[in-house]
Amino acid sequence: VTAPQYLLLTECPRGDNIAADNPNRQMLRLCSVRCPHMNLITLESTLSALENNRFQINLPDDIISRARASLDRMLEIG
């Protein structure tokens, strides 16, 4: 899908990477504060969390359903 503008809602450095990878697209970034916690995440800690099933988050079914619908729409778009 192409659009005249894209709104990025992500951590600042990730938004910088996305914008740099797409120089011909106008990216609107709502980023003025860096999250100190995001800087602590590494590929190794993410892999460990997935392999060891750590940091499980439990959500109500209605939230899961709405989130899944949003993710499905994003995946359809590509």
C-alpha atoms as a PDB file:
ATOM      1  CA  VAL A   1       0.000   0.000   0.000  1.00  0.00           C
ATOM      2  CA  THR A   2       1.284   3.436  -0.823  1.00  0.00           C
ATOM      3  CA  ALA A   3       0.169   6.583   0.903  1.00  0.00           C
ATOM      4  CA  PRO A   4       1.297  10.216   0.838  1.00  0.00           C
ATOM      5  CA  GLN A   5       2.415  10.009   4.458  1.00  0.00           C
ATOM      6  CA  TYR A   6       3.090   7.353   7.069  1.00  0.00           C
ATOM      7  CA  LEU A   7       2.746   7.750  10.820  1.00  0.00           C
ATOM      8  CA  LEU A   8       5.376   5.852  12.798  1.00  0.00           C
ATOM      9  CA  LEU A   9       4.520   4.934  16.354  1.00  0.00           C
ATOM     10  CA  THR A  10       7.654   3.231  17.524  1.00  0.00           C
ATOM     11  CA  GLU A  11      10.739   3.829  19.601  1.00  0.00           C
ATOM     12  CA  CYS A  12      12.898   6.683  18.258  1.00  0.00           C
ATOM     13  CA  PRO A  13      15.908   4.772  16.876  1.00  0.00           C
ATOM     14  CA  ARG A  14      13.641   2.242  15.152  1.00  0.00           C
ATOM     15  CA  GLY A  15      11.749   5.109  13.532  1.00  0.00           C
ATOM     16  CA  ASP A  16      15.068   6.549  12.361  1.00  0.00           C
ATOM     17  CA  ASN A  17      15.948   3.217  10.753  1.00  0.00           C
ATOM     18  CA  ILE A  18      12.577   2.916   9.013  1.00  0.00           C
ATOM     19  CA  ALA A  19      12.809   6.483   7.688  1.00  0.00           C
ATOM     20  CA  ALA A  20      16.379   5.915   6.457  1.00  0.00           C
ATOM     21  CA  ASP A  21      15.313   2.720   4.675  1.00  0.00           C
ATOM     22  CA  ASN A  22      12.476   4.589   2.922  1.00  0.00           C
ATOM     23  CA  PRO A  23      13.919   7.933   1.750  1.00  0.00           C
ATOM     24  CA  ASN A  24      11.176   8.458  -0.852  1.00  0.00           C
ATOM     25  CA  ARG A  25       8.354   8.278   1.705  1.00  0.00           C
ATOM     26  CA  GLN A  26       7.241  11.006   4.072  1.00  0.00           C
ATOM     27  CA  MET A  27       7.379   9.676   7.624  1.00  0.00           C
ATOM     28  CA  LEU A  28       5.642  11.450  10.482  1.00  0.00           C
ATOM     29  CA  ARG A  29       7.341  10.533  13.720  1.00  0.00           C
ATOM     30  CA  LEU A  30       5.917  11.342  17.134  1.00  0.00           C
ATOM     31  CA  CYS A  31       9.191  10.915  18.877  1.00  0.00           C
ATOM     32  CA  SER A  32      10.597  13.401  21.324  1.00  0.00           C
ATOM     33  CA  VAL A  33      11.514  11.238  24.301  1.00  0.00           C
ATOM     34  CA  ARG A  34      13.705   8.171  24.240  1.00  0.00           C
ATOM     35  CA  CYS A  35      12.576   5.240  26.336  1.00  0.00           C
ATOM     36  CA  PRO A  36      15.436   4.136  28.609  1.00  0.00           C
ATOM     37  CA  HIS A  37      13.956   0.649  28.881  1.00  0.00           C
ATOM     38  CA  MET A  38      13.954   0.021  25.132  1.00  0.00           C
ATOM     39  CA  ASN A  39      17.714   0.571  25.065  1.00  0.00           C
ATOM     40  CA  LEU A  40      18.155  -2.381  27.432  1.00  0.00           C
ATOM     41  CA  ILE A  41      16.575  -4.882  25.027  1.00  0.00           C
ATOM     42  CA  THR A  42      19.026  -6.986  23.032  1.00  0.00           C
ATOM     43  CA  LEU A  43      18.575  -9.742  20.482  1.00  0.00           C
ATOM     44  CA  GLU A  44      20.017 -12.149  23.026  1.00  0.00           C
ATOM     45  CA  SER A  45      17.537 -11.162  25.752  1.00  0.00           C
ATOM     46  CA  THR A  46      14.651 -11.366  23.281  1.00  0.00           C
ATOM     47  CA  LEU A  47      15.731 -14.836  22.170  1.00  0.00           C
ATOM     48  CA  SER A  48      16.100 -15.954  25.781  1.00  0.00           C
ATOM     49  CA  ALA A  49      12.633 -14.654  26.648  1.00  0.00           C
ATOM     50  CA  LEU A  50      11.099 -16.534  23.711  1.00  0.00           C
ATOM     51  CA  GLU A  51      13.011 -19.762  24.318  1.00  0.00           C
ATOM     52  CA  ASN A  52      12.248 -19.796  28.042  1.00  0.00           C
ATOM     53  CA  ASN A  53       8.661 -18.504  27.777  1.00  0.00           C
ATOM     54  CA  ARG A  54       9.464 -15.609  30.117  1.00  0.00           C
ATOM     55  CA  PHE A  55       7.544 -12.387  30.610  1.00  0.00           C
ATOM     56  CA  GLN A  56       4.115 -13.784  29.799  1.00  0.00           C
ATOM     57  CA  ILE A  57       1.407 -11.129  29.553  1.00  0.00           C
ATOM     58  CA  ASN A  58      -2.226 -12.017  30.213  1.00  0.00           C
ATOM     59  CA  LEU A  59      -4.910  -9.875  28.609  1.00  0.00           C
ATOM     60  CA  PRO A  60      -8.707  -9.970  28.576  1.00  0.00           C
ATOM     61  CA  ASP A  61     -10.247 -11.776  25.601  1.00  0.00           C
ATOM     62  CA  ASP A  62     -11.828  -8.601  24.181  1.00  0.00           C
ATOM     63  CA  ILE A  63      -8.436  -6.855  24.063  1.00  0.00           C
ATOM     64  CA  ILE A  64      -6.845  -9.890  22.413  1.00  0.00           C
ATOM     65  CA  SER A  65      -9.608 -10.021  19.813  1.00  0.00           C
ATOM     66  CA  ARG A  66      -9.281  -6.340  18.910  1.00  0.00           C
ATOM     67  CA  ALA A  67      -5.488  -6.538  18.800  1.00  0.00           C
ATOM     68  CA  ARG A  68      -5.608  -9.630  16.599  1.00  0.00           C
ATOM     69  CA  ALA A  69      -7.952  -7.850  14.175  1.00  0.00           C
ATOM     70  CA  SER A  70      -5.495  -4.937  13.934  1.00  0.00           C
ATOM     71  CA  LEU A  71      -2.560  -7.272  13.346  1.00  0.00           C
ATOM     72  CA  ASP A  72      -4.496  -9.208  10.705  1.00  0.00           C
ATOM     73  CA  ARG A  73      -5.269  -5.960   8.854  1.00  0.00           C
ATOM     74  CA  MET A  74      -1.595  -4.926   8.960  1.00  0.00           C
ATOM     75  CA  LEU A  75      -0.492  -8.315   7.636  1.00  0.00           C
ATOM     76  CA  GLU A  76      -3.046  -8.139   4.811  1.00  0.00           C
ATOM     77  CA  ILE A  77      -1.596  -4.799   3.735  1.00  0.00           C
ATOM     78  CA  GLY A  78       1.923  -6.185   3.869  1.00  0.00           C
END
